[in-house]
Amino acid sequence: MHEDEGFDDTNPGGEEQTKPLKQPKAVKLQLFRSPSGSRVRLETKKFDSPSDKVPHSESKPEWSSETVVKVNEKNKIVTVLWDGDKERES
């Protein structure tokens, strides 16, 4: 036991711990299950439209960060607010 740190680095058998402890895995939700206000990171090319002459993602970073504004689970449609954008007033 380390007196200065206040924790015991031995296992129940009294032997010193040799394997690093496992870190909990991050939970990845499907995007349409993310609650409003969640921060999400999406590939910018997901916003490209086949009808656009110049793709939206052409001069942008590969990944973009957004905040979930509204979720329609029935149709699996998610409205996001991009960083740097202001929320539109209805």
C-alpha atoms as a PDB file:
ATOM      1  CA  MET A   1       0.000   0.000   0.000  1.00  0.00           C
ATOM      2  CA  HIS A   2       1.267   3.422  -0.925  1.00  0.00           C
ATOM      3  CA  GLU A   3       1.078   5.698   2.065  1.00  0.00           C
ATOM      4  CA  ASP A   4       1.457   8.861   0.014  1.00  0.00           C
ATOM      5  CA  GLU A   5      -1.321   8.040  -2.481  1.00  0.00           C
ATOM      6  CA  GLY A   6      -3.761   6.230  -0.215  1.00  0.00           C
ATOM      7  CA  PHE A   7      -4.559   3.248  -2.435  1.00  0.00           C
ATOM      8  CA  ASP A   8      -3.717  -0.418  -2.388  1.00  0.00           C
ATOM      9  CA  ASP A   9      -2.023  -1.722  -5.545  1.00  0.00           C
ATOM     10  CA  THR A  10      -2.327  -5.384  -4.596  1.00  0.00           C
ATOM     11  CA  ASN A  11      -5.008  -7.792  -5.708  1.00  0.00           C
ATOM     12  CA  PRO A  12      -7.161  -9.777  -3.222  1.00  0.00           C
ATOM     13  CA  GLY A  13      -4.478 -12.516  -3.047  1.00  0.00           C
ATOM     14  CA  GLY A  14      -1.962  -9.998  -1.700  1.00  0.00           C
ATOM     15  CA  GLU A  15       0.140 -10.024  -4.858  1.00  0.00           C
ATOM     16  CA  GLU A  16       1.084  -6.850  -6.652  1.00  0.00           C
ATOM     17  CA  GLN A  17      -1.077  -5.911  -9.662  1.00  0.00           C
ATOM     18  CA  THR A  18       0.694  -6.793 -12.924  1.00  0.00           C
ATOM     19  CA  LYS A  19      -1.953  -6.198 -15.612  1.00  0.00           C
ATOM     20  CA  PRO A  20      -3.252  -2.690 -16.236  1.00  0.00           C
ATOM     21  CA  LEU A  21      -6.885  -2.223 -15.274  1.00  0.00           C
ATOM     22  CA  LYS A  22      -9.306  -2.174 -18.203  1.00  0.00           C
ATOM     23  CA  GLN A  23     -10.885   1.164 -19.045  1.00  0.00           C
ATOM     24  CA  PRO A  24     -14.642   1.182 -19.668  1.00  0.00           C
ATOM     25  CA  LYS A  25     -15.541   1.314 -23.357  1.00  0.00           C
ATOM     26  CA  ALA A  26     -17.190   4.443 -24.708  1.00  0.00           C
ATOM     27  CA  VAL A  27     -20.835   3.907 -25.559  1.00  0.00           C
ATOM     28  CA  LYS A  28     -21.684   4.767 -29.143  1.00  0.00           C
ATOM     29  CA  LEU A  29     -25.342   5.485 -29.749  1.00  0.00           C
ATOM     30  CA  GLN A  30     -26.912   5.461 -33.163  1.00  0.00           C
ATOM     31  CA  LEU A  31     -27.146   9.097 -34.156  1.00  0.00           C
ATOM     32  CA  PHE A  32     -30.955   9.148 -34.243  1.00  0.00           C
ATOM     33  CA  ARG A  33     -31.009   7.918 -30.648  1.00  0.00           C
ATOM     34  CA  SER A  34     -28.868  10.824 -29.413  1.00  0.00           C
ATOM     35  CA  PRO A  35     -30.802  13.168 -27.122  1.00  0.00           C
ATOM     36  CA  SER A  36     -31.176  16.847 -28.028  1.00  0.00           C
ATOM     37  CA  GLY A  37     -28.205  18.885 -26.828  1.00  0.00           C
ATOM     38  CA  SER A  38     -25.727  16.024 -27.395  1.00  0.00           C
ATOM     39  CA  ARG A  39     -22.410  16.830 -29.027  1.00  0.00           C
ATOM     40  CA  VAL A  40     -21.757  14.682 -32.086  1.00  0.00           C
ATOM     41  CA  ARG A  41     -18.957  14.344 -34.612  1.00  0.00           C
ATOM     42  CA  LEU A  42     -19.854  13.473 -38.207  1.00  0.00           C
ATOM     43  CA  GLU A  43     -18.037  13.008 -41.469  1.00  0.00           C
ATOM     44  CA  THR A  44     -18.533  16.233 -43.395  1.00  0.00           C
ATOM     45  CA  LYS A  45     -19.178  14.317 -46.618  1.00  0.00           C
ATOM     46  CA  LYS A  46     -22.479  13.064 -45.102  1.00  0.00           C
ATOM     47  CA  PHE A  47     -23.885  16.525 -45.896  1.00  0.00           C
ATOM     48  CA  ASP A  48     -22.990  16.327 -49.602  1.00  0.00           C
ATOM     49  CA  SER A  49     -25.867  16.149 -52.048  1.00  0.00           C
ATOM     50  CA  PRO A  50     -25.581  14.345 -55.402  1.00  0.00           C
ATOM     51  CA  SER A  51     -27.306  17.307 -57.077  1.00  0.00           C
ATOM     52  CA  ASP A  52     -24.673  19.822 -55.916  1.00  0.00           C
ATOM     53  CA  LYS A  53     -22.103  20.845 -58.529  1.00  0.00           C
ATOM     54  CA  VAL A  54     -19.549  21.511 -55.793  1.00  0.00           C
ATOM     55  CA  PRO A  55     -19.733  19.132 -52.801  1.00  0.00           C
ATOM     56  CA  HIS A  56     -20.293  20.769 -49.424  1.00  0.00           C
ATOM     57  CA  SER A  57     -17.296  18.917 -47.979  1.00  0.00           C
ATOM     58  CA  GLU A  58     -14.828  20.042 -50.662  1.00  0.00           C
ATOM     59  CA  SER A  59     -13.066  22.824 -48.716  1.00  0.00           C
ATOM     60  CA  LYS A  60     -13.973  21.635 -45.222  1.00  0.00           C
ATOM     61  CA  PRO A  61     -12.264  19.325 -42.709  1.00  0.00           C
ATOM     62  CA  GLU A  62     -13.013  15.582 -42.954  1.00  0.00           C
ATOM     63  CA  TRP A  63     -14.909  15.628 -39.626  1.00  0.00           C
ATOM     64  CA  SER A  64     -17.188  18.317 -38.221  1.00  0.00           C
ATOM     65  CA  SER A  65     -18.661  18.809 -34.749  1.00  0.00           C
ATOM     66  CA  GLU A  66     -22.319  19.571 -34.243  1.00  0.00           C
ATOM     67  CA  THR A  67     -24.965  19.775 -31.531  1.00  0.00           C
ATOM     68  CA  VAL A  68     -28.147  17.726 -31.907  1.00  0.00           C
ATOM     69  CA  VAL A  69     -31.142  20.096 -32.048  1.00  0.00           C
ATOM     70  CA  LYS A  70     -34.052  17.804 -32.857  1.00  0.00           C
ATOM     71  CA  VAL A  71     -34.536  14.062 -33.377  1.00  0.00           C
ATOM     72  CA  ASN A  72     -37.340  12.351 -35.263  1.00  0.00           C
ATOM     73  CA  GLU A  73     -36.901   8.687 -34.297  1.00  0.00           C
ATOM     74  CA  LYS A  74     -39.775   7.527 -36.511  1.00  0.00           C
ATOM     75  CA  ASN A  75     -38.067   8.688 -39.706  1.00  0.00           C
ATOM     76  CA  LYS A  76     -34.538   8.559 -38.261  1.00  0.00           C
ATOM     77  CA  ILE A  77     -33.967  12.217 -39.169  1.00  0.00           C
ATOM     78  CA  VAL A  78     -31.645  14.289 -36.990  1.00  0.00           C
ATOM     79  CA  THR A  79     -31.401  18.084 -37.116  1.00  0.00           C
ATOM     80  CA  VAL A  80     -27.976  19.350 -36.057  1.00  0.00           C
ATOM     81  CA  LEU A  81     -26.508  22.796 -35.481  1.00  0.00           C
ATOM     82  CA  TRP A  82     -22.973  23.132 -36.778  1.00  0.00           C
ATOM     83  CA  ASP A  83     -20.334  24.755 -34.630  1.00  0.00           C
ATOM     84  CA  GLY A  84     -20.183  28.430 -35.532  1.00  0.00           C
ATOM     85  CA  ASP A  85     -23.792  28.547 -36.782  1.00  0.00           C
ATOM     86  CA  LYS A  86     -26.595  30.294 -34.932  1.00  0.00           C
ATOM     87  CA  GLU A  87     -29.883  28.596 -34.253  1.00  0.00           C
ATOM     88  CA  ARG A  88     -32.581  29.730 -36.647  1.00  0.00           C
ATOM     89  CA  GLU A  89     -35.483  31.503 -35.081  1.00  0.00           C
ATOM     90  CA  SER A  90     -38.884  30.128 -36.116  1.00  0.00           C
END
